[in-house]
């Protein structure tokens, strides 16, 4: 199923995960964007009528590993990684999306930003 020597990673804001000794293990995503359903309730009538469906932002969770020469090097790489992925805010304090490209799906480009924190194990 493709090239087994391919290293999985991604490029975000013109930097690649290789710069951080980072290897993507898995990514979790839906086939399409999340949906939000809107309904109209009518007094004295059972149930609700569907009015519209909105597409919401797509969430992509990434599980990765990162290596360092020693614990101090690992902490430094983690700080650099957190700084790299920290979303830049515009003048209204909204995150500015950056281009995200996965190695194994490089014909797709996403505009993305880190929406949650980085969990450590």
PDB file of N, CA and C in Angstrom:
ATOM      1  N   UNK A   1       0.835  -1.187   0.000  1.00  0.00           N
ATOM      2  CA  UNK A   1       0.000   0.000   0.000  1.00  0.00           C
ATOM      3  C   UNK A   1       0.873   1.242   0.000  1.00  0.00           C
ATOM      4  N   UNK A   2       1.554   1.501  -1.067  1.00  0.00           N
ATOM      5  CA  UNK A   2       2.377   2.696  -1.159  1.00  0.00           C
ATOM      6  C   UNK A   2       3.796   2.435  -0.697  1.00  0.00           C
ATOM      7  N   UNK A   3       4.527   3.514  -0.495  1.00  0.00           N
ATOM      8  CA  UNK A   3       5.928   3.471  -0.122  1.00  0.00           C
ATOM      9  C   UNK A   3       6.064   3.290   1.388  1.00  0.00           C
ATOM     10  N   UNK A   4       6.624   2.164   1.816  1.00  0.00           N
ATOM     11  CA  UNK A   4       6.785   1.900   3.244  1.00  0.00           C
ATOM     12  C   UNK A   4       7.907   2.728   3.862  1.00  0.00           C
ATOM     13  N   UNK A   5       8.769   3.332   3.025  1.00  0.00           N
ATOM     14  CA  UNK A   5       9.866   4.148   3.541  1.00  0.00           C
ATOM     15  C   UNK A   5       9.453   5.600   3.752  1.00  0.00           C
ATOM     16  N   UNK A   6       8.221   5.917   3.444  1.00  0.00           N
ATOM     17  CA  UNK A   6       7.745   7.296   3.573  1.00  0.00           C
ATOM     18  C   UNK A   6       7.666   7.692   5.043  1.00  0.00           C
ATOM     19  N   UNK A   7       8.241   8.828   5.375  1.00  0.00           N
ATOM     20  CA  UNK A   7       8.170   9.334   6.744  1.00  0.00           C
ATOM     21  C   UNK A   7       6.930  10.211   6.857  1.00  0.00           C
ATOM     22  N   UNK A   8       6.121   9.920   7.859  1.00  0.00           N
ATOM     23  CA  UNK A   8       4.897  10.683   8.028  1.00  0.00           C
ATOM     24  C   UNK A   8       5.161  11.909   8.880  1.00  0.00           C
ATOM     25  N   UNK A   9       4.708  13.007   8.405  1.00  0.00           N
ATOM     26  CA  UNK A   9       4.852  14.266   9.099  1.00  0.00           C
ATOM     27  C   UNK A   9       3.960  15.277   8.409  1.00  0.00           C
ATOM     28  N   UNK A  10       4.175  16.539   8.715  1.00  0.00           N
ATOM     29  CA  UNK A  10       3.412  17.593   8.063  1.00  0.00           C
ATOM     30  C   UNK A  10       4.212  18.883   8.032  1.00  0.00           C
ATOM     31  N   UNK A  11       3.775  19.761   7.169  1.00  0.00           N
ATOM     32  CA  UNK A  11       4.358  21.090   7.045  1.00  0.00           C
ATOM     33  C   UNK A  11       3.285  22.077   7.493  1.00  0.00           C
ATOM     34  N   UNK A  12       3.651  22.965   8.402  1.00  0.00           N
ATOM     35  CA  UNK A  12       2.715  23.965   8.909  1.00  0.00           C
ATOM     36  C   UNK A  12       3.446  25.297   8.965  1.00  0.00           C
ATOM     37  N   UNK A  13       2.864  26.323   8.395  1.00  0.00           N
ATOM     38  CA  UNK A  13       3.467  27.658   8.399  1.00  0.00           C
ATOM     39  C   UNK A  13       4.910  27.606   7.872  1.00  0.00           C
ATOM     40  N   UNK A  14       5.092  26.896   6.764  1.00  0.00           N
ATOM     41  CA  UNK A  14       6.382  26.765   6.066  1.00  0.00           C
ATOM     42  C   UNK A  14       7.484  26.088   6.872  1.00  0.00           C
ATOM     43  N   UNK A  15       7.143  25.361   7.923  1.00  0.00           N
ATOM     44  CA  UNK A  15       8.116  24.564   8.666  1.00  0.00           C
ATOM     45  C   UNK A  15       7.631  23.125   8.705  1.00  0.00           C
ATOM     46  N   UNK A  16       8.567  22.199   8.659  1.00  0.00           N
ATOM     47  CA  UNK A  16       8.219  20.775   8.657  1.00  0.00           C
ATOM     48  C   UNK A  16       8.493  20.161  10.022  1.00  0.00           C
ATOM     49  N   UNK A  17       7.762  19.092  10.325  1.00  0.00           N
ATOM     50  CA  UNK A  17       7.931  18.386  11.594  1.00  0.00           C
ATOM     51  C   UNK A  17       9.339  17.821  11.758  1.00  0.00           C
ATOM     52  N   UNK A  18      10.042  17.584  10.655  1.00  0.00           N
ATOM     53  CA  UNK A  18      11.430  17.103  10.735  1.00  0.00           C
ATOM     54  C   UNK A  18      12.307  18.067  11.536  1.00  0.00           C
ATOM     55  N   UNK A  19      11.993  19.357  11.494  1.00  0.00           N
ATOM     56  CA  UNK A  19      12.779  20.358  12.226  1.00  0.00           C
ATOM     57  C   UNK A  19      12.727  20.144  13.730  1.00  0.00           C
ATOM     58  N   UNK A  20      11.744  19.360  14.211  1.00  0.00           N
ATOM     59  CA  UNK A  20      11.529  19.160  15.647  1.00  0.00           C
ATOM     60  C   UNK A  20      11.697  17.696  16.056  1.00  0.00           C
ATOM     61  N   UNK A  21      12.329  16.883  15.183  1.00  0.00           N
ATOM     62  CA  UNK A  21      12.460  15.435  15.434  1.00  0.00           C
ATOM     63  C   UNK A  21      11.099  14.831  15.782  1.00  0.00           C
ATOM     64  N   UNK A  22      10.110  15.227  15.043  1.00  0.00           N
ATOM     65  CA  UNK A  22       8.729  14.841  15.319  1.00  0.00           C
ATOM     66  C   UNK A  22       8.265  13.863  14.253  1.00  0.00           C
ATOM     67  N   UNK A  23       7.631  12.775  14.667  1.00  0.00           N
ATOM     68  CA  UNK A  23       7.101  11.782  13.748  1.00  0.00           C
ATOM     69  C   UNK A  23       5.616  11.595  14.039  1.00  0.00           C
ATOM     70  N   UNK A  24       4.784  11.809  13.014  1.00  0.00           N
ATOM     71  CA  UNK A  24       3.342  11.631  13.169  1.00  0.00           C
ATOM     72  C   UNK A  24       3.042  10.137  13.227  1.00  0.00           C
ATOM     73  N   UNK A  25       2.365   9.714  14.285  1.00  0.00           N
ATOM     74  CA  UNK A  25       1.969   8.316  14.442  1.00  0.00           C
ATOM     75  C   UNK A  25       0.598   8.070  13.840  1.00  0.00           C
ATOM     76  N   UNK A  26      -0.350   8.965  14.133  1.00  0.00           N
ATOM     77  CA  UNK A  26      -1.719   8.843  13.632  1.00  0.00           C
ATOM     78  C   UNK A  26      -2.321  10.225  13.504  1.00  0.00           C
ATOM     79  N   UNK A  27      -3.302  10.303  12.649  1.00  0.00           N
ATOM     80  CA  UNK A  27      -4.137  11.503  12.632  1.00  0.00           C
ATOM     81  C   UNK A  27      -5.579  11.057  12.560  1.00  0.00           C
ATOM     82  N   UNK A  28      -6.396  11.741  13.291  1.00  0.00           N
ATOM     83  CA  UNK A  28      -7.809  11.386  13.415  1.00  0.00           C
ATOM     84  C   UNK A  28      -8.621  12.517  12.795  1.00  0.00           C
ATOM     85  N   UNK A  29      -9.457  12.156  11.842  1.00  0.00           N
ATOM     86  CA  UNK A  29     -10.275  13.173  11.186  1.00  0.00           C
ATOM     87  C   UNK A  29     -11.532  12.532  10.626  1.00  0.00           C
ATOM     88  N   UNK A  30     -12.546  13.335  10.448  1.00  0.00           N
ATOM     89  CA  UNK A  30     -13.785  12.879   9.831  1.00  0.00           C
ATOM     90  C   UNK A  30     -13.659  13.010   8.320  1.00  0.00           C
ATOM     91  N   UNK A  31     -14.498  12.285   7.605  1.00  0.00           N
ATOM     92  CA  UNK A  31     -14.477  12.370   6.150  1.00  0.00           C
ATOM     93  C   UNK A  31     -14.937  13.745   5.672  1.00  0.00           C
ATOM     94  N   UNK A  32     -15.759  14.396   6.439  1.00  0.00           N
ATOM     95  CA  UNK A  32     -16.246  15.725   6.072  1.00  0.00           C
ATOM     96  C   UNK A  32     -16.282  16.610   7.298  1.00  0.00           C
ATOM     97  N   UNK A  33     -16.704  17.846   7.120  1.00  0.00           N
ATOM     98  CA  UNK A  33     -16.764  18.752   8.267  1.00  0.00           C
ATOM     99  C   UNK A  33     -17.885  18.373   9.227  1.00  0.00           C
ATOM    100  N   UNK A  34     -17.759  18.823  10.459  1.00  0.00           N
ATOM    101  CA  UNK A  34     -18.824  18.632  11.443  1.00  0.00           C
ATOM    102  C   UNK A  34     -20.042  19.447  11.001  1.00  0.00           C
ATOM    103  N   UNK A  35     -21.195  19.005  11.411  1.00  0.00           N
ATOM    104  CA  UNK A  35     -22.453  19.666  11.023  1.00  0.00           C
ATOM    105  C   UNK A  35     -23.169  20.202  12.260  1.00  0.00           C
ATOM    106  N   UNK A  36     -23.864  21.297  12.068  1.00  0.00           N
ATOM    107  CA  UNK A  36     -24.730  21.829  13.113  1.00  0.00           C
ATOM    108  C   UNK A  36     -26.133  21.941  12.529  1.00  0.00           C
ATOM    109  N   UNK A  37     -27.068  21.223  13.112  1.00  0.00           N
ATOM    110  CA  UNK A  37     -28.449  21.220  12.646  1.00  0.00           C
ATOM    111  C   UNK A  37     -29.258  22.278  13.384  1.00  0.00           C
ATOM    112  N   UNK A  38     -30.091  22.983  12.636  1.00  0.00           N
ATOM    113  CA  UNK A  38     -30.980  24.001  13.212  1.00  0.00           C
ATOM    114  C   UNK A  38     -32.428  23.555  12.981  1.00  0.00           C
ATOM    115  N   UNK A  39     -33.226  23.688  14.017  1.00  0.00           N
ATOM    116  CA  UNK A  39     -34.617  23.235  13.959  1.00  0.00           C
ATOM    117  C   UNK A  39     -35.560  24.362  14.370  1.00  0.00           C
ATOM    118  N   UNK A  40     -36.769  24.271  13.869  1.00  0.00           N
ATOM    119  CA  UNK A  40     -37.827  25.215  14.234  1.00  0.00           C
ATOM    120  C   UNK A  40     -38.857  24.443  15.046  1.00  0.00           C
ATOM    121  N   UNK A  41     -39.109  24.924  16.241  1.00  0.00           N
ATOM    122  CA  UNK A  41     -40.157  24.288  17.049  1.00  0.00           C
ATOM    123  C   UNK A  41     -41.422  25.135  16.919  1.00  0.00           C
ATOM    124  N   UNK A  42     -42.501  24.468  16.770  1.00  0.00           N
ATOM    125  CA  UNK A  42     -43.792  25.146  16.612  1.00  0.00           C
ATOM    126  C   UNK A  42     -44.613  24.855  17.862  1.00  0.00           C
ATOM    127  N   UNK A  43     -45.123  25.900  18.503  1.00  0.00           N
ATOM    128  CA  UNK A  43     -45.913  25.687  19.712  1.00  0.00           C
ATOM    129  C   UNK A  43     -47.102  24.753  19.459  1.00  0.00           C
ATOM    130  N   UNK A  44     -47.345  23.898  20.413  1.00  0.00           N
ATOM    131  CA  UNK A  44     -48.460  22.961  20.404  1.00  0.00           C
ATOM    132  C   UNK A  44     -48.345  21.882  19.313  1.00  0.00           C
ATOM    133  N   UNK A  45     -47.125  21.714  18.792  1.00  0.00           N
ATOM    134  CA  UNK A  45     -46.902  20.661  17.807  1.00  0.00           C
ATOM    135  C   UNK A  45     -45.743  19.805  18.288  1.00  0.00           C
ATOM    136  N   UNK A  46     -45.913  18.504  18.183  1.00  0.00           N
ATOM    137  CA  UNK A  46     -44.855  17.594  18.621  1.00  0.00           C
ATOM    138  C   UNK A  46     -43.672  17.642  17.649  1.00  0.00           C
ATOM    139  N   UNK A  47     -42.475  17.573  18.191  1.00  0.00           N
ATOM    140  CA  UNK A  47     -41.276  17.519  17.363  1.00  0.00           C
ATOM    141  C   UNK A  47     -40.820  18.883  16.897  1.00  0.00           C
ATOM    142  N   UNK A  48     -39.922  18.876  15.928  1.00  0.00           N
ATOM    143  CA  UNK A  48     -39.365  20.108  15.375  1.00  0.00           C
ATOM    144  C   UNK A  48     -39.112  19.899  13.887  1.00  0.00           C
ATOM    145  N   UNK A  49     -39.104  21.001  13.136  1.00  0.00           N
ATOM    146  CA  UNK A  49     -38.864  20.944  11.695  1.00  0.00           C
ATOM    147  C   UNK A  49     -37.415  21.336  11.405  1.00  0.00           C
ATOM    148  N   UNK A  50     -36.730  20.551  10.576  1.00  0.00           N
ATOM    149  CA  UNK A  50     -35.368  20.955  10.217  1.00  0.00           C
ATOM    150  C   UNK A  50     -35.402  22.219   9.360  1.00  0.00           C
ATOM    151  N   UNK A  51     -34.555  23.181   9.690  1.00  0.00           N
ATOM    152  CA  UNK A  51     -34.525  24.452   8.971  1.00  0.00           C
ATOM    153  C   UNK A  51     -33.298  24.532   8.070  1.00  0.00           C
ATOM    154  N   UNK A  52     -32.116  24.258   8.638  1.00  0.00           N
ATOM    155  CA  UNK A  52     -30.888  24.299   7.840  1.00  0.00           C
ATOM    156  C   UNK A  52     -29.790  23.512   8.555  1.00  0.00           C
ATOM    157  N   UNK A  53     -28.745  23.229   7.812  1.00  0.00           N
ATOM    158  CA  UNK A  53     -27.572  22.555   8.347  1.00  0.00           C
ATOM    159  C   UNK A  53     -26.353  23.401   7.992  1.00  0.00           C
ATOM    160  N   UNK A  54     -25.560  23.743   8.999  1.00  0.00           N
ATOM    161  CA  UNK A  54     -24.338  24.517   8.774  1.00  0.00           C
ATOM    162  C   UNK A  54     -23.124  23.608   8.873  1.00  0.00           C
ATOM    163  N   UNK A  55     -22.159  23.834   7.992  1.00  0.00           N
ATOM    164  CA  UNK A  55     -20.871  23.158   8.099  1.00  0.00           C
ATOM    165  C   UNK A  55     -20.014  23.900   9.115  1.00  0.00           C
ATOM    166  N   UNK A  56     -19.414  23.152  10.016  1.00  0.00           N
ATOM    167  CA  UNK A  56     -18.518  23.741  11.011  1.00  0.00           C
ATOM    168  C   UNK A  56     -17.085  23.449  10.600  1.00  0.00           C
ATOM    169  N   UNK A  57     -16.144  23.989  11.334  1.00  0.00           N
ATOM    170  CA  UNK A  57     -14.740  23.720  11.056  1.00  0.00           C
ATOM    171  C   UNK A  57     -14.426  22.248  11.224  1.00  0.00           C
ATOM    172  N   UNK A  58     -13.452  21.786  10.491  1.00  0.00           N
ATOM    173  CA  UNK A  58     -13.040  20.381  10.561  1.00  0.00           C
ATOM    174  C   UNK A  58     -11.935  20.239  11.599  1.00  0.00           C
ATOM    175  N   UNK A  59     -12.086  19.278  12.496  1.00  0.00           N
ATOM    176  CA  UNK A  59     -11.063  19.020  13.509  1.00  0.00           C
ATOM    177  C   UNK A  59     -10.184  17.871  13.070  1.00  0.00           C
ATOM    178  N   UNK A  60      -8.881  18.062  13.179  1.00  0.00           N
ATOM    179  CA  UNK A  60      -7.907  17.019  12.881  1.00  0.00           C
ATOM    180  C   UNK A  60      -7.034  16.868  14.117  1.00  0.00           C
ATOM    181  N   UNK A  61      -7.088  15.709  14.744  1.00  0.00           N
ATOM    182  CA  UNK A  61      -6.242  15.425  15.908  1.00  0.00           C
ATOM    183  C   UNK A  61      -5.027  14.642  15.421  1.00  0.00           C
ATOM    184  N   UNK A  62      -3.862  14.994  15.922  1.00  0.00           N
ATOM    185  CA  UNK A  62      -2.622  14.366  15.481  1.00  0.00           C
ATOM    186  C   UNK A  62      -1.908  13.778  16.693  1.00  0.00           C
ATOM    187  N   UNK A  63      -1.572  12.495  16.589  1.00  0.00           N
ATOM    188  CA  UNK A  63      -0.773  11.841  17.624  1.00  0.00           C
ATOM    189  C   UNK A  63       0.642  11.724  17.074  1.00  0.00           C
ATOM    190  N   UNK A  64       1.622  12.176  17.857  1.00  0.00           N
ATOM    191  CA  UNK A  64       2.992  12.171  17.367  1.00  0.00           C
ATOM    192  C   UNK A  64       3.958  11.836  18.486  1.00  0.00           C
ATOM    193  N   UNK A  65       5.181  11.544  18.079  1.00  0.00           N
ATOM    194  CA  UNK A  65       6.260  11.331  19.031  1.00  0.00           C
ATOM    195  C   UNK A  65       7.369  12.318  18.687  1.00  0.00           C
ATOM    196  N   UNK A  66       8.127  12.691  19.698  1.00  0.00           N
ATOM    197  CA  UNK A  66       9.240  13.618  19.509  1.00  0.00           C
ATOM    198  C   UNK A  66      10.416  13.082  20.312  1.00  0.00           C
ATOM    199  N   UNK A  67      11.610  13.204  19.763  1.00  0.00           N
ATOM    200  CA  UNK A  67      12.793  12.674  20.432  1.00  0.00           C
ATOM    201  C   UNK A  67      13.809  13.782  20.675  1.00  0.00           C
ATOM    202  N   UNK A  68      14.637  13.565  21.691  1.00  0.00           N
ATOM    203  CA  UNK A  68      15.710  14.494  22.014  1.00  0.00           C
ATOM    204  C   UNK A  68      16.934  13.725  22.472  1.00  0.00           C
ATOM    205  N   UNK A  69      18.073  14.396  22.472  1.00  0.00           N
ATOM    206  CA  UNK A  69      19.330  13.769  22.890  1.00  0.00           C
ATOM    207  C   UNK A  69      19.308  13.398  24.373  1.00  0.00           C
ATOM    208  N   UNK A  70      18.691  14.265  25.169  1.00  0.00           N
ATOM    209  CA  UNK A  70      18.602  14.059  26.611  1.00  0.00           C
ATOM    210  C   UNK A  70      17.367  14.816  27.090  1.00  0.00           C
ATOM    211  N   UNK A  71      17.008  14.699  28.378  1.00  0.00           N
ATOM    212  CA  UNK A  71      15.790  15.376  28.857  1.00  0.00           C
ATOM    213  C   UNK A  71      15.795  16.889  28.614  1.00  0.00           C
ATOM    214  N   UNK A  72      16.936  17.541  28.763  1.00  0.00           N
ATOM    215  CA  UNK A  72      17.008  18.989  28.541  1.00  0.00           C
ATOM    216  C   UNK A  72      16.754  19.326  27.076  1.00  0.00           C
ATOM    217  N   UNK A  73      17.339  18.550  26.153  1.00  0.00           N
ATOM    218  CA  UNK A  73      17.121  18.759  24.726  1.00  0.00           C
ATOM    219  C   UNK A  73      15.656  18.531  24.364  1.00  0.00           C
ATOM    220  N   UNK A  74      15.054  17.510  24.955  1.00  0.00           N
ATOM    221  CA  UNK A  74      13.641  17.216  24.713  1.00  0.00           C
ATOM    222  C   UNK A  74      12.755  18.369  25.183  1.00  0.00           C
ATOM    223  N   UNK A  75      13.033  18.906  26.374  1.00  0.00           N
ATOM    224  CA  UNK A  75      12.248  20.055  26.876  1.00  0.00           C
ATOM    225  C   UNK A  75      12.391  21.253  25.941  1.00  0.00           C
ATOM    226  N   UNK A  76      13.596  21.503  25.441  1.00  0.00           N
ATOM    227  CA  UNK A  76      13.817  22.620  24.526  1.00  0.00           C
ATOM    228  C   UNK A  76      13.039  22.419  23.225  1.00  0.00           C
ATOM    229  N   UNK A  77      13.057  21.196  22.701  1.00  0.00           N
ATOM    230  CA  UNK A  77      12.309  20.904  21.475  1.00  0.00           C
ATOM    231  C   UNK A  77      10.806  21.068  21.705  1.00  0.00           C
ATOM    232  N   UNK A  78      10.318  20.644  22.862  1.00  0.00           N
ATOM    233  CA  UNK A  78       8.896  20.807  23.171  1.00  0.00           C
ATOM    234  C   UNK A  78       8.507  22.280  23.271  1.00  0.00           C
ATOM    235  N   UNK A  79       9.369  23.091  23.877  1.00  0.00           N
ATOM    236  CA  UNK A  79       9.086  24.541  23.944  1.00  0.00           C
ATOM    237  C   UNK A  79       9.059  25.152  22.543  1.00  0.00           C
ATOM    238  N   UNK A  80      10.045  24.760  21.703  1.00  0.00           N
ATOM    239  CA  UNK A  80      10.081  25.264  20.324  1.00  0.00           C
ATOM    240  C   UNK A  80       8.855  24.817  19.543  1.00  0.00           C
ATOM    241  N   UNK A  81       8.458  23.561  19.746  1.00  0.00           N
ATOM    242  CA  UNK A  81       7.273  23.022  19.081  1.00  0.00           C
ATOM    243  C   UNK A  81       6.024  23.801  19.490  1.00  0.00           C
ATOM    244  N   UNK A  82       5.861  24.035  20.768  1.00  0.00           N
ATOM    245  CA  UNK A  82       4.691  24.779  21.263  1.00  0.00           C
ATOM    246  C   UNK A  82       4.675  26.199  20.691  1.00  0.00           C
ATOM    247  N   UNK A  83       5.837  26.827  20.598  1.00  0.00           N
ATOM    248  CA  UNK A  83       5.914  28.181  20.029  1.00  0.00           C
ATOM    249  C   UNK A  83       5.545  28.168  18.543  1.00  0.00           C
ATOM    250  N   UNK A  84       6.020  27.151  17.813  1.00  0.00           N
ATOM    251  CA  UNK A  84       5.729  27.029  16.381  1.00  0.00           C
ATOM    252  C   UNK A  84       4.237  26.854  16.138  1.00  0.00           C
ATOM    253  N   UNK A  85       3.581  26.025  16.947  1.00  0.00           N
ATOM    254  CA  UNK A  85       2.172  25.711  16.720  1.00  0.00           C
ATOM    255  C   UNK A  85       1.204  26.703  17.357  1.00  0.00           C
ATOM    256  N   UNK A  86       1.701  27.565  18.225  1.00  0.00           N
ATOM    257  CA  UNK A  86       0.846  28.567  18.875  1.00  0.00           C
ATOM    258  C   UNK A  86       0.233  29.476  17.819  1.00  0.00           C
ATOM    259  N   UNK A  87      -1.090  29.585  17.766  1.00  0.00           N
ATOM    260  CA  UNK A  87      -1.701  30.410  16.721  1.00  0.00           C
ATOM    261  C   UNK A  87      -1.405  31.899  16.904  1.00  0.00           C
ATOM    262  N   UNK A  88      -1.134  32.532  15.794  1.00  0.00           N
ATOM    263  CA  UNK A  88      -0.981  33.985  15.763  1.00  0.00           C
ATOM    264  C   UNK A  88      -2.382  34.585  15.793  1.00  0.00           C
ATOM    265  N   UNK A  89      -2.563  35.683  16.498  1.00  0.00           N
ATOM    266  CA  UNK A  89      -3.879  36.318  16.590  1.00  0.00           C
ATOM    267  C   UNK A  89      -3.902  37.591  15.754  1.00  0.00           C
ATOM    268  N   UNK A  90      -5.034  37.851  15.108  1.00  0.00           N
ATOM    269  CA  UNK A  90      -5.165  39.096  14.361  1.00  0.00           C
ATOM    270  C   UNK A  90      -5.545  40.235  15.320  1.00  0.00           C
ATOM    271  N   UNK A  91      -5.810  41.406  14.777  1.00  0.00           N
ATOM    272  CA  UNK A  91      -6.092  42.560  15.641  1.00  0.00           C
ATOM    273  C   UNK A  91      -7.431  42.470  16.367  1.00  0.00           C
ATOM    274  N   UNK A  92      -8.249  41.470  16.039  1.00  0.00           N
ATOM    275  CA  UNK A  92      -9.496  41.250  16.774  1.00  0.00           C
ATOM    276  C   UNK A  92      -9.384  39.998  17.661  1.00  0.00           C
ATOM    277  N   UNK A  93      -8.152  39.530  17.855  1.00  0.00           N
ATOM    278  CA  UNK A  93      -7.837  38.394  18.730  1.00  0.00           C
ATOM    279  C   UNK A  93      -8.402  37.069  18.235  1.00  0.00           C
ATOM    280  N   UNK A  94      -8.580  36.958  16.926  1.00  0.00           N
ATOM    281  CA  UNK A  94      -8.976  35.683  16.327  1.00  0.00           C
ATOM    282  C   UNK A  94      -7.738  34.998  15.763  1.00  0.00           C
ATOM    283  N   UNK A  95      -7.668  33.655  15.835  1.00  0.00           N
ATOM    284  CA  UNK A  95      -6.498  32.960  15.293  1.00  0.00           C
ATOM    285  C   UNK A  95      -6.403  33.109  13.775  1.00  0.00           C
ATOM    286  N   UNK A  96      -5.169  33.272  13.298  1.00  0.00           N
ATOM    287  CA  UNK A  96      -4.912  33.386  11.865  1.00  0.00           C
ATOM    288  C   UNK A  96      -4.531  32.001  11.342  1.00  0.00           C
ATOM    289  N   UNK A  97      -5.350  31.393  10.479  1.00  0.00           N
ATOM    290  CA  UNK A  97      -5.014  30.065   9.956  1.00  0.00           C
ATOM    291  C   UNK A  97      -3.762  30.106   9.080  1.00  0.00           C
ATOM    292  N   UNK A  98      -2.979  29.028   9.141  1.00  0.00           N
ATOM    293  CA  UNK A  98      -1.773  28.861   8.333  1.00  0.00           C
ATOM    294  C   UNK A  98      -1.940  27.603   7.494  1.00  0.00           C
ATOM    295  N   UNK A  99      -1.164  27.488   6.429  1.00  0.00           N
ATOM    296  CA  UNK A  99      -1.259  26.327   5.543  1.00  0.00           C
ATOM    297  C   UNK A  99      -0.696  25.081   6.218  1.00  0.00           C
ATOM    298  N   UNK A 100      -1.450  23.981   6.141  1.00  0.00           N
ATOM    299  CA  UNK A 100      -1.085  22.686   6.705  1.00  0.00           C
ATOM    300  C   UNK A 100      -1.105  21.656   5.582  1.00  0.00           C
ATOM    301  N   UNK A 101       0.028  20.932   5.411  1.00  0.00           N
ATOM    302  CA  UNK A 101       0.141  19.917   4.364  1.00  0.00           C
ATOM    303  C   UNK A 101       0.733  18.656   4.988  1.00  0.00           C
ATOM    304  N   UNK A 102       0.042  17.519   4.845  1.00  0.00           N
ATOM    305  CA  UNK A 102       0.543  16.246   5.342  1.00  0.00           C
ATOM    306  C   UNK A 102       1.378  15.570   4.254  1.00  0.00           C
ATOM    307  N   UNK A 103       2.489  14.925   4.648  1.00  0.00           N
ATOM    308  CA  UNK A 103       3.357  14.232   3.690  1.00  0.00           C
ATOM    309  C   UNK A 103       2.598  13.206   2.861  1.00  0.00           C
ATOM    310  N   UNK A 104       1.734  12.436   3.503  1.00  0.00           N
ATOM    311  CA  UNK A 104       1.058  11.348   2.812  1.00  0.00           C
ATOM    312  C   UNK A 104      -0.190  11.786   2.055  1.00  0.00           C
ATOM    313  N   UNK A 105      -0.473  13.074   2.054  1.00  0.00           N
ATOM    314  CA  UNK A 105      -1.655  13.611   1.372  1.00  0.00           C
ATOM    315  C   UNK A 105      -1.304  15.015   0.876  1.00  0.00           C
ATOM    316  N   UNK A 106      -0.145  15.128   0.194  1.00  0.00           N
ATOM    317  CA  UNK A 106       0.395  16.460  -0.099  1.00  0.00           C
ATOM    318  C   UNK A 106      -0.308  17.207  -1.227  1.00  0.00           C
ATOM    319  N   UNK A 107      -1.333  16.608  -1.843  1.00  0.00           N
ATOM    320  CA  UNK A 107      -2.110  17.360  -2.820  1.00  0.00           C
ATOM    321  C   UNK A 107      -3.252  18.127  -2.153  1.00  0.00           C
ATOM    322  N   UNK A 108      -3.426  17.935  -0.845  1.00  0.00           N
ATOM    323  CA  UNK A 108      -4.453  18.648  -0.078  1.00  0.00           C
ATOM    324  C   UNK A 108      -3.770  19.682   0.814  1.00  0.00           C
ATOM    325  N   UNK A 109      -4.313  20.876   0.797  1.00  0.00           N
ATOM    326  CA  UNK A 109      -3.812  21.943   1.651  1.00  0.00           C
ATOM    327  C   UNK A 109      -4.961  22.437   2.528  1.00  0.00           C
ATOM    328  N   UNK A 110      -4.691  22.518   3.811  1.00  0.00           N
ATOM    329  CA  UNK A 110      -5.691  22.955   4.778  1.00  0.00           C
ATOM    330  C   UNK A 110      -5.252  24.296   5.346  1.00  0.00           C
ATOM    331  N   UNK A 111      -6.189  25.145   5.642  1.00  0.00           N
ATOM    332  CA  UNK A 111      -5.907  26.333   6.440  1.00  0.00           C
ATOM    333  C   UNK A 111      -6.268  25.952   7.861  1.00  0.00           C
ATOM    334  N   UNK A 112      -5.277  26.000   8.761  1.00  0.00           N
ATOM    335  CA  UNK A 112      -5.473  25.430  10.088  1.00  0.00           C
ATOM    336  C   UNK A 112      -4.795  26.276  11.157  1.00  0.00           C
ATOM    337  N   UNK A 113      -5.203  26.023  12.392  1.00  0.00           N
ATOM    338  CA  UNK A 113      -4.538  26.574  13.561  1.00  0.00           C
ATOM    339  C   UNK A 113      -4.766  25.612  14.716  1.00  0.00           C
ATOM    340  N   UNK A 114      -3.901  25.686  15.701  1.00  0.00           N
ATOM    341  CA  UNK A 114      -4.017  24.836  16.883  1.00  0.00           C
ATOM    342  C   UNK A 114      -5.199  25.332  17.712  1.00  0.00           C
ATOM    343  N   UNK A 115      -6.241  24.505  17.793  1.00  0.00           N
ATOM    344  CA  UNK A 115      -7.472  24.910  18.478  1.00  0.00           C
ATOM    345  C   UNK A 115      -7.487  24.474  19.932  1.00  0.00           C
ATOM    346  N   UNK A 116      -6.701  23.465  20.251  1.00  0.00           N
ATOM    347  CA  UNK A 116      -6.613  22.993  21.630  1.00  0.00           C
ATOM    348  C   UNK A 116      -5.140  22.925  21.999  1.00  0.00           C
ATOM    349  N   UNK A 117      -4.856  22.562  23.200  1.00  0.00           N
ATOM    350  CA  UNK A 117      -3.468  22.468  23.631  1.00  0.00           C
ATOM    351  C   UNK A 117      -2.800  21.198  23.133  1.00  0.00           C
ATOM    352  N   UNK A 118      -1.540  21.053  23.514  1.00  0.00           N
ATOM    353  CA  UNK A 118      -0.766  19.856  23.196  1.00  0.00           C
ATOM    354  C   UNK A 118      -0.733  19.003  24.459  1.00  0.00           C
ATOM    355  N   UNK A 119      -1.265  17.784  24.375  1.00  0.00           N
ATOM    356  CA  UNK A 119      -1.281  16.881  25.539  1.00  0.00           C
ATOM    357  C   UNK A 119       0.011  16.072  25.560  1.00  0.00           C
ATOM    358  N   UNK A 120       0.606  15.961  26.741  1.00  0.00           N
ATOM    359  CA  UNK A 120       1.835  15.201  26.897  1.00  0.00           C
ATOM    360  C   UNK A 120       1.560  13.938  27.673  1.00  0.00           C
ATOM    361  N   UNK A 121       2.275  12.866  27.311  1.00  0.00           N
ATOM    362  CA  UNK A 121       2.185  11.610  28.059  1.00  0.00           C
ATOM    363  C   UNK A 121       3.543  11.289  28.618  1.00  0.00           C
TER     364      UNK A 121
END
